[in-house]
């Protein structure tokens, strides 16, 4: 490979705009509330597990879905957007 040839980056990412960052932050707050509320529901349904297996599984899957959103979008947006803003000062 020549030094004059440009290496193509796979999956180039342009960053986050302020509008996108605010939207993701708002939905991340909803996701944090969802994680806490579903954790409470799992704890409540765990006590009466034989009768409420479906509800306990539903709450635990929703908890995992909210946690996945939070980790995939919220943390990534916070790190990328805030890193660009903090280090550009």
PDB file of N, CA and C in Angstrom:
ATOM      1  N   UNK A   1       0.847  -1.170   0.000  1.00  0.00           N
ATOM      2  CA  UNK A   1       0.000   0.000   0.000  1.00  0.00           C
ATOM      3  C   UNK A   1       0.893   1.234   0.000  1.00  0.00           C
ATOM      4  N   UNK A   2       0.557   2.197  -0.825  1.00  0.00           N
ATOM      5  CA  UNK A   2       1.285   3.454  -0.919  1.00  0.00           C
ATOM      6  C   UNK A   2       0.892   4.402   0.192  1.00  0.00           C
ATOM      7  N   UNK A   3       1.809   5.260   0.575  1.00  0.00           N
ATOM      8  CA  UNK A   3       1.477   6.276   1.559  1.00  0.00           C
ATOM      9  C   UNK A   3       0.563   7.346   0.976  1.00  0.00           C
ATOM     10  N   UNK A   4       0.579   7.472  -0.353  1.00  0.00           N
ATOM     11  CA  UNK A   4      -0.260   8.485  -0.980  1.00  0.00           C
ATOM     12  C   UNK A   4      -1.729   8.060  -1.050  1.00  0.00           C
ATOM     13  N   UNK A   5      -1.980   6.766  -0.895  1.00  0.00           N
ATOM     14  CA  UNK A   5      -3.364   6.291  -0.918  1.00  0.00           C
ATOM     15  C   UNK A   5      -4.020   6.560   0.428  1.00  0.00           C
ATOM     16  N   UNK A   6      -5.240   7.036   0.369  1.00  0.00           N
ATOM     17  CA  UNK A   6      -5.973   7.284   1.610  1.00  0.00           C
ATOM     18  C   UNK A   6      -6.609   5.990   2.091  1.00  0.00           C
ATOM     19  N   UNK A   7      -6.556   5.804   3.377  1.00  0.00           N
ATOM     20  CA  UNK A   7      -7.190   4.637   3.964  1.00  0.00           C
ATOM     21  C   UNK A   7      -8.640   4.994   4.250  1.00  0.00           C
ATOM     22  N   UNK A   8      -9.535   4.187   3.718  1.00  0.00           N
ATOM     23  CA  UNK A   8     -10.957   4.453   3.916  1.00  0.00           C
ATOM     24  C   UNK A   8     -11.389   3.940   5.281  1.00  0.00           C
ATOM     25  N   UNK A   9     -12.023   4.812   6.040  1.00  0.00           N
ATOM     26  CA  UNK A   9     -12.511   4.416   7.355  1.00  0.00           C
ATOM     27  C   UNK A   9     -13.847   3.718   7.209  1.00  0.00           C
ATOM     28  N   UNK A  10     -13.989   2.665   7.935  1.00  0.00           N
ATOM     29  CA  UNK A  10     -15.248   1.936   7.929  1.00  0.00           C
ATOM     30  C   UNK A  10     -16.159   2.510   9.006  1.00  0.00           C
ATOM     31  N   UNK A  11     -17.338   2.920   8.637  1.00  0.00           N
ATOM     32  CA  UNK A  11     -18.294   3.425   9.610  1.00  0.00           C
ATOM     33  C   UNK A  11     -17.938   4.791  10.150  1.00  0.00           C
ATOM     34  N   UNK A  12     -17.606   5.722   9.292  1.00  0.00           N
ATOM     35  CA  UNK A  12     -17.268   7.076   9.738  1.00  0.00           C
ATOM     36  C   UNK A  12     -18.459   7.684  10.465  1.00  0.00           C
ATOM     37  N   UNK A  13     -18.192   8.322  11.584  1.00  0.00           N
ATOM     38  CA  UNK A  13     -19.248   8.901  12.414  1.00  0.00           C
ATOM     39  C   UNK A  13     -19.023  10.391  12.537  1.00  0.00           C
ATOM     40  N   UNK A  14     -20.036  11.176  12.204  1.00  0.00           N
ATOM     41  CA  UNK A  14     -19.869  12.624  12.183  1.00  0.00           C
ATOM     42  C   UNK A  14     -20.114  13.307  13.509  1.00  0.00           C
ATOM     43  N   UNK A  15     -20.632  12.627  14.485  1.00  0.00           N
ATOM     44  CA  UNK A  15     -20.860  13.231  15.792  1.00  0.00           C
ATOM     45  C   UNK A  15     -22.331  13.512  16.034  1.00  0.00           C
ATOM     46  N   UNK A  16     -22.614  14.259  17.089  1.00  0.00           N
ATOM     47  CA  UNK A  16     -23.984  14.571  17.477  1.00  0.00           C
ATOM     48  C   UNK A  16     -24.211  16.073  17.413  1.00  0.00           C
ATOM     49  N   UNK A  17     -25.363  16.451  16.890  1.00  0.00           N
ATOM     50  CA  UNK A  17     -25.765  17.856  16.943  1.00  0.00           C
ATOM     51  C   UNK A  17     -26.384  18.114  18.313  1.00  0.00           C
ATOM     52  N   UNK A  18     -26.570  19.377  18.637  1.00  0.00           N
ATOM     53  CA  UNK A  18     -27.179  19.727  19.921  1.00  0.00           C
ATOM     54  C   UNK A  18     -28.603  19.186  20.016  1.00  0.00           C
ATOM     55  N   UNK A  19     -29.358  19.284  18.933  1.00  0.00           N
ATOM     56  CA  UNK A  19     -30.740  18.802  18.933  1.00  0.00           C
ATOM     57  C   UNK A  19     -30.793  17.297  19.187  1.00  0.00           C
ATOM     58  N   UNK A  20     -29.961  16.547  18.505  1.00  0.00           N
ATOM     59  CA  UNK A  20     -29.947  15.093  18.689  1.00  0.00           C
ATOM     60  C   UNK A  20     -29.488  14.729  20.097  1.00  0.00           C
ATOM     61  N   UNK A  21     -28.513  15.454  20.620  1.00  0.00           N
ATOM     62  CA  UNK A  21     -28.030  15.190  21.971  1.00  0.00           C
ATOM     63  C   UNK A  21     -29.121  15.441  23.003  1.00  0.00           C
ATOM     64  N   UNK A  22     -29.890  16.522  22.845  1.00  0.00           N
ATOM     65  CA  UNK A  22     -30.972  16.838  23.785  1.00  0.00           C
ATOM     66  C   UNK A  22     -32.064  15.778  23.725  1.00  0.00           C
ATOM     67  N   UNK A  23     -32.424  15.344  22.527  1.00  0.00           N
ATOM     68  CA  UNK A  23     -33.457  14.312  22.383  1.00  0.00           C
ATOM     69  C   UNK A  23     -33.003  13.007  23.021  1.00  0.00           C
ATOM     70  N   UNK A  24     -31.780  12.587  22.760  1.00  0.00           N
ATOM     71  CA  UNK A  24     -31.272  11.340  23.336  1.00  0.00           C
ATOM     72  C   UNK A  24     -31.164  11.456  24.851  1.00  0.00           C
ATOM     73  N   UNK A  25     -30.783  12.630  25.354  1.00  0.00           N
ATOM     74  CA  UNK A  25     -30.696  12.827  26.800  1.00  0.00           C
ATOM     75  C   UNK A  25     -32.068  12.741  27.453  1.00  0.00           C
ATOM     76  N   UNK A  26     -33.080  13.317  26.817  1.00  0.00           N
ATOM     77  CA  UNK A  26     -34.447  13.234  27.370  1.00  0.00           C
ATOM     78  C   UNK A  26     -34.939  11.792  27.398  1.00  0.00           C
ATOM     79  N   UNK A  27     -34.732  11.071  26.315  1.00  0.00           N
ATOM     80  CA  UNK A  27     -35.165   9.678  26.293  1.00  0.00           C
ATOM     81  C   UNK A  27     -34.317   8.804  27.214  1.00  0.00           C
ATOM     82  N   UNK A  28     -33.087   9.197  27.459  1.00  0.00           N
ATOM     83  CA  UNK A  28     -32.266   8.462  28.422  1.00  0.00           C
ATOM     84  C   UNK A  28     -32.791   8.646  29.837  1.00  0.00           C
ATOM     85  N   UNK A  29     -33.309   9.834  30.134  1.00  0.00           N
ATOM     86  CA  UNK A  29     -33.930  10.057  31.446  1.00  0.00           C
ATOM     87  C   UNK A  29     -35.172   9.185  31.604  1.00  0.00           C
ATOM     88  N   UNK A  30     -35.958   9.061  30.541  1.00  0.00           N
ATOM     89  CA  UNK A  30     -37.120   8.164  30.568  1.00  0.00           C
ATOM     90  C   UNK A  30     -36.660   6.722  30.749  1.00  0.00           C
ATOM     91  N   UNK A  31     -35.565   6.372  30.107  1.00  0.00           N
ATOM     92  CA  UNK A  31     -35.027   5.019  30.221  1.00  0.00           C
ATOM     93  C   UNK A  31     -34.527   4.725  31.631  1.00  0.00           C
ATOM     94  N   UNK A  32     -33.909   5.700  32.286  1.00  0.00           N
ATOM     95  CA  UNK A  32     -33.469   5.514  33.677  1.00  0.00           C
ATOM     96  C   UNK A  32     -34.679   5.283  34.575  1.00  0.00           C
ATOM     97  N   UNK A  33     -35.742   6.068  34.365  1.00  0.00           N
ATOM     98  CA  UNK A  33     -36.975   5.857  35.123  1.00  0.00           C
ATOM     99  C   UNK A  33     -37.545   4.467  34.847  1.00  0.00           C
ATOM    100  N   UNK A  34     -37.488   4.022  33.597  1.00  0.00           N
ATOM    101  CA  UNK A  34     -37.969   2.686  33.244  1.00  0.00           C
ATOM    102  C   UNK A  34     -37.177   1.588  33.916  1.00  0.00           C
ATOM    103  N   UNK A  35     -35.866   1.758  33.997  1.00  0.00           N
ATOM    104  CA  UNK A  35     -35.030   0.762  34.677  1.00  0.00           C
ATOM    105  C   UNK A  35     -35.395   0.680  36.153  1.00  0.00           C
ATOM    106  N   UNK A  36     -35.539   1.831  36.798  1.00  0.00           N
ATOM    107  CA  UNK A  36     -35.870   1.843  38.229  1.00  0.00           C
ATOM    108  C   UNK A  36     -37.266   1.280  38.491  1.00  0.00           C
ATOM    109  N   UNK A  37     -38.243   1.687  37.689  1.00  0.00           N
ATOM    110  CA  UNK A  37     -39.614   1.214  37.887  1.00  0.00           C
ATOM    111  C   UNK A  37     -39.734  -0.280  37.618  1.00  0.00           C
ATOM    112  N   UNK A  38     -39.071  -0.763  36.582  1.00  0.00           N
ATOM    113  CA  UNK A  38     -39.140  -2.190  36.280  1.00  0.00           C
ATOM    114  C   UNK A  38     -38.371  -3.022  37.298  1.00  0.00           C
ATOM    115  N   UNK A  39     -37.306  -2.477  37.855  1.00  0.00           N
ATOM    116  CA  UNK A  39     -36.603  -3.190  38.930  1.00  0.00           C
ATOM    117  C   UNK A  39     -37.510  -3.329  40.146  1.00  0.00           C
ATOM    118  N   UNK A  40     -38.263  -2.285  40.439  1.00  0.00           N
ATOM    119  CA  UNK A  40     -39.233  -2.355  41.534  1.00  0.00           C
ATOM    120  C   UNK A  40     -40.321  -3.384  41.233  1.00  0.00           C
ATOM    121  N   UNK A  41     -40.808  -3.402  40.002  1.00  0.00           N
ATOM    122  CA  UNK A  41     -41.829  -4.380  39.624  1.00  0.00           C
ATOM    123  C   UNK A  41     -41.309  -5.808  39.703  1.00  0.00           C
ATOM    124  N   UNK A  42     -40.079  -6.029  39.264  1.00  0.00           N
ATOM    125  CA  UNK A  42     -39.497  -7.374  39.360  1.00  0.00           C
ATOM    126  C   UNK A  42     -39.401  -7.800  40.814  1.00  0.00           C
ATOM    127  N   UNK A  43     -39.008  -6.889  41.693  1.00  0.00           N
ATOM    128  CA  UNK A  43     -38.920  -7.215  43.120  1.00  0.00           C
ATOM    129  C   UNK A  43     -40.293  -7.541  43.697  1.00  0.00           C
ATOM    130  N   UNK A  44     -41.318  -6.816  43.274  1.00  0.00           N
ATOM    131  CA  UNK A  44     -42.672  -7.078  43.775  1.00  0.00           C
ATOM    132  C   UNK A  44     -43.196  -8.405  43.240  1.00  0.00           C
ATOM    133  N   UNK A  45     -43.023  -8.650  41.950  1.00  0.00           N
ATOM    134  CA  UNK A  45     -43.545  -9.880  41.357  1.00  0.00           C
ATOM    135  C   UNK A  45     -42.738 -11.106  41.755  1.00  0.00           C
ATOM    136  N   UNK A  46     -41.499 -10.923  42.182  1.00  0.00           N
ATOM    137  CA  UNK A  46     -40.660 -12.055  42.566  1.00  0.00           C
ATOM    138  C   UNK A  46     -41.202 -12.743  43.824  1.00  0.00           C
ATOM    139  N   UNK A  47     -41.857 -11.965  44.682  1.00  0.00           N
ATOM    140  CA  UNK A  47     -42.404 -12.530  45.922  1.00  0.00           C
ATOM    141  C   UNK A  47     -43.554 -13.481  45.642  1.00  0.00           C
ATOM    142  N   UNK A  48     -44.348 -13.181  44.648  1.00  0.00           N
ATOM    143  CA  UNK A  48     -45.484 -14.037  44.292  1.00  0.00           C
ATOM    144  C   UNK A  48     -45.215 -14.709  42.954  1.00  0.00           C
ATOM    145  N   UNK A  49     -44.048 -15.300  42.820  1.00  0.00           N
ATOM    146  CA  UNK A  49     -43.594 -15.804  41.530  1.00  0.00           C
ATOM    147  C   UNK A  49     -44.499 -16.857  40.896  1.00  0.00           C
ATOM    148  N   UNK A  50     -44.995 -17.855  41.610  1.00  0.00           N
ATOM    149  CA  UNK A  50     -45.807 -18.862  40.910  1.00  0.00           C
ATOM    150  C   UNK A  50     -47.037 -18.268  40.209  1.00  0.00           C
ATOM    151  N   UNK A  51     -47.615 -17.238  40.787  1.00  0.00           N
ATOM    152  CA  UNK A  51     -48.814 -16.661  40.186  1.00  0.00           C
ATOM    153  C   UNK A  51     -48.476 -15.622  39.125  1.00  0.00           C
ATOM    154  N   UNK A  52     -47.349 -14.992  39.237  1.00  0.00           N
ATOM    155  CA  UNK A  52     -47.042 -13.860  38.354  1.00  0.00           C
ATOM    156  C   UNK A  52     -45.747 -14.062  37.572  1.00  0.00           C
ATOM    157  N   UNK A  53     -45.564 -15.237  37.021  1.00  0.00           N
ATOM    158  CA  UNK A  53     -44.361 -15.513  36.232  1.00  0.00           C
ATOM    159  C   UNK A  53     -44.338 -14.636  34.980  1.00  0.00           C
ATOM    160  N   UNK A  54     -45.478 -14.536  34.325  1.00  0.00           N
ATOM    161  CA  UNK A  54     -45.550 -13.732  33.099  1.00  0.00           C
ATOM    162  C   UNK A  54     -45.225 -12.265  33.381  1.00  0.00           C
ATOM    163  N   UNK A  55     -45.792 -11.714  34.430  1.00  0.00           N
ATOM    164  CA  UNK A  55     -45.552 -10.305  34.754  1.00  0.00           C
ATOM    165  C   UNK A  55     -44.104 -10.061  35.165  1.00  0.00           C
ATOM    166  N   UNK A  56     -43.516 -11.003  35.900  1.00  0.00           N
ATOM    167  CA  UNK A  56     -42.111 -10.862  36.291  1.00  0.00           C
ATOM    168  C   UNK A  56     -41.200 -10.919  35.066  1.00  0.00           C
ATOM    169  N   UNK A  57     -41.495 -11.815  34.140  1.00  0.00           N
ATOM    170  CA  UNK A  57     -40.692 -11.898  32.912  1.00  0.00           C
ATOM    171  C   UNK A  57     -40.877 -10.657  32.046  1.00  0.00           C
ATOM    172  N   UNK A  58     -42.101 -10.160  31.973  1.00  0.00           N
ATOM    173  CA  UNK A  58     -42.372  -8.954  31.195  1.00  0.00           C
ATOM    174  C   UNK A  58     -41.626  -7.749  31.769  1.00  0.00           C
ATOM    175  N   UNK A  59     -41.646  -7.611  33.082  1.00  0.00           N
ATOM    176  CA  UNK A  59     -40.938  -6.499  33.720  1.00  0.00           C
ATOM    177  C   UNK A  59     -39.427  -6.636  33.558  1.00  0.00           C
ATOM    178  N   UNK A  60     -38.917  -7.854  33.652  1.00  0.00           N
ATOM    179  CA  UNK A  60     -37.467  -8.034  33.514  1.00  0.00           C
ATOM    180  C   UNK A  60     -37.010  -7.793  32.075  1.00  0.00           C
ATOM    181  N   UNK A  61     -37.801  -8.201  31.091  1.00  0.00           N
ATOM    182  CA  UNK A  61     -37.434  -7.941  29.697  1.00  0.00           C
ATOM    183  C   UNK A  61     -37.509  -6.445  29.377  1.00  0.00           C
ATOM    184  N   UNK A  62     -38.495  -5.759  29.933  1.00  0.00           N
ATOM    185  CA  UNK A  62     -38.589  -4.314  29.734  1.00  0.00           C
ATOM    186  C   UNK A  62     -37.430  -3.598  30.424  1.00  0.00           C
ATOM    187  N   UNK A  63     -37.028  -4.080  31.582  1.00  0.00           N
ATOM    188  CA  UNK A  63     -35.862  -3.531  32.278  1.00  0.00           C
ATOM    189  C   UNK A  63     -34.617  -3.672  31.416  1.00  0.00           C
ATOM    190  N   UNK A  64     -34.437  -4.844  30.818  1.00  0.00           N
ATOM    191  CA  UNK A  64     -33.270  -5.062  29.960  1.00  0.00           C
ATOM    192  C   UNK A  64     -33.329  -4.207  28.695  1.00  0.00           C
ATOM    193  N   UNK A  65     -34.528  -4.003  28.162  1.00  0.00           N
ATOM    194  CA  UNK A  65     -34.675  -3.158  26.980  1.00  0.00           C
ATOM    195  C   UNK A  65     -34.322  -1.705  27.293  1.00  0.00           C
ATOM    196  N   UNK A  66     -34.796  -1.203  28.420  1.00  0.00           N
ATOM    197  CA  UNK A  66     -34.464   0.170  28.833  1.00  0.00           C
ATOM    198  C   UNK A  66     -32.970   0.307  29.109  1.00  0.00           C
ATOM    199  N   UNK A  67     -32.387  -0.692  29.739  1.00  0.00           N
ATOM    200  CA  UNK A  67     -30.958  -0.668  30.033  1.00  0.00           C
ATOM    201  C   UNK A  67     -30.132  -0.713  28.750  1.00  0.00           C
ATOM    202  N   UNK A  68     -30.579  -1.495  27.776  1.00  0.00           N
ATOM    203  CA  UNK A  68     -29.884  -1.566  26.493  1.00  0.00           C
ATOM    204  C   UNK A  68     -29.915  -0.223  25.777  1.00  0.00           C
ATOM    205  N   UNK A  69     -31.082   0.433  25.766  1.00  0.00           N
ATOM    206  CA  UNK A  69     -31.171   1.758  25.148  1.00  0.00           C
ATOM    207  C   UNK A  69     -30.226   2.733  25.841  1.00  0.00           C
ATOM    208  N   UNK A  70     -30.239   2.677  27.158  1.00  0.00           N
ATOM    209  CA  UNK A  70     -29.410   3.599  27.927  1.00  0.00           C
ATOM    210  C   UNK A  70     -27.933   3.403  27.618  1.00  0.00           C
ATOM    211  N   UNK A  71     -27.503   2.160  27.534  1.00  0.00           N
ATOM    212  CA  UNK A  71     -26.087   1.892  27.283  1.00  0.00           C
ATOM    213  C   UNK A  71     -25.693   2.138  25.828  1.00  0.00           C
ATOM    214  N   UNK A  72     -26.576   1.813  24.886  1.00  0.00           N
ATOM    215  CA  UNK A  72     -26.221   1.982  23.476  1.00  0.00           C
ATOM    216  C   UNK A  72     -26.302   3.429  23.005  1.00  0.00           C
ATOM    217  N   UNK A  73     -27.315   4.147  23.444  1.00  0.00           N
ATOM    218  CA  UNK A  73     -27.516   5.504  22.939  1.00  0.00           C
ATOM    219  C   UNK A  73     -27.111   6.575  23.942  1.00  0.00           C
ATOM    220  N   UNK A  74     -27.586   6.467  25.169  1.00  0.00           N
ATOM    221  CA  UNK A  74     -27.352   7.517  26.155  1.00  0.00           C
ATOM    222  C   UNK A  74     -25.894   7.704  26.512  1.00  0.00           C
ATOM    223  N   UNK A  75     -25.226   6.609  26.808  1.00  0.00           N
ATOM    224  CA  UNK A  75     -23.812   6.692  27.195  1.00  0.00           C
ATOM    225  C   UNK A  75     -22.965   7.133  26.006  1.00  0.00           C
ATOM    226  N   UNK A  76     -23.249   6.585  24.834  1.00  0.00           N
ATOM    227  CA  UNK A  76     -22.485   6.951  23.642  1.00  0.00           C
ATOM    228  C   UNK A  76     -22.661   8.426  23.298  1.00  0.00           C
ATOM    229  N   UNK A  77     -23.891   8.909  23.335  1.00  0.00           N
ATOM    230  CA  UNK A  77     -24.138  10.324  23.022  1.00  0.00           C
ATOM    231  C   UNK A  77     -23.468  11.226  24.042  1.00  0.00           C
ATOM    232  N   UNK A  78     -23.529  10.856  25.307  1.00  0.00           N
ATOM    233  CA  UNK A  78     -22.887  11.657  26.345  1.00  0.00           C
ATOM    234  C   UNK A  78     -21.387  11.723  26.177  1.00  0.00           C
ATOM    235  N   UNK A  79     -20.782  10.588  25.912  1.00  0.00           N
ATOM    236  CA  UNK A  79     -19.325  10.550  25.767  1.00  0.00           C
ATOM    237  C   UNK A  79     -18.878  11.326  24.533  1.00  0.00           C
ATOM    238  N   UNK A  80     -19.513  11.076  23.399  1.00  0.00           N
ATOM    239  CA  UNK A  80     -19.082  11.718  22.149  1.00  0.00           C
ATOM    240  C   UNK A  80     -19.360  13.215  22.174  1.00  0.00           C
ATOM    241  N   UNK A  81     -20.576  13.612  22.553  1.00  0.00           N
ATOM    242  CA  UNK A  81     -20.935  15.034  22.510  1.00  0.00           C
ATOM    243  C   UNK A  81     -20.174  15.832  23.558  1.00  0.00           C
ATOM    244  N   UNK A  82     -20.117  15.325  24.769  1.00  0.00           N
ATOM    245  CA  UNK A  82     -19.442  16.073  25.832  1.00  0.00           C
ATOM    246  C   UNK A  82     -17.930  16.092  25.647  1.00  0.00           C
ATOM    247  N   UNK A  83     -17.372  15.035  25.062  1.00  0.00           N
ATOM    248  CA  UNK A  83     -15.935  15.031  24.781  1.00  0.00           C
ATOM    249  C   UNK A  83     -15.596  16.111  23.761  1.00  0.00           C
ATOM    250  N   UNK A  84     -16.435  16.246  22.738  1.00  0.00           N
ATOM    251  CA  UNK A  84     -16.200  17.282  21.730  1.00  0.00           C
ATOM    252  C   UNK A  84     -16.325  18.674  22.329  1.00  0.00           C
ATOM    253  N   UNK A  85     -17.274  18.871  23.235  1.00  0.00           N
ATOM    254  CA  UNK A  85     -17.498  20.195  23.815  1.00  0.00           C
ATOM    255  C   UNK A  85     -16.466  20.541  24.881  1.00  0.00           C
ATOM    256  N   UNK A  86     -16.048  19.568  25.683  1.00  0.00           N
ATOM    257  CA  UNK A  86     -15.103  19.838  26.769  1.00  0.00           C
ATOM    258  C   UNK A  86     -13.698  20.073  26.224  1.00  0.00           C
ATOM    259  N   UNK A  87     -13.272  19.250  25.270  1.00  0.00           N
ATOM    260  CA  UNK A  87     -11.913  19.374  24.769  1.00  0.00           C
ATOM    261  C   UNK A  87     -11.759  20.472  23.727  1.00  0.00           C
ATOM    262  N   UNK A  88     -12.865  21.039  23.252  1.00  0.00           N
ATOM    263  CA  UNK A  88     -12.746  22.123  22.277  1.00  0.00           C
ATOM    264  C   UNK A  88     -12.638  23.488  22.957  1.00  0.00           C
ATOM    265  N   UNK A  89     -12.777  23.528  24.283  1.00  0.00           N
ATOM    266  CA  UNK A  89     -12.677  24.804  25.007  1.00  0.00           C
ATOM    267  C   UNK A  89     -11.285  25.260  25.078  1.00  0.00           C
TER     268      UNK A  89
END
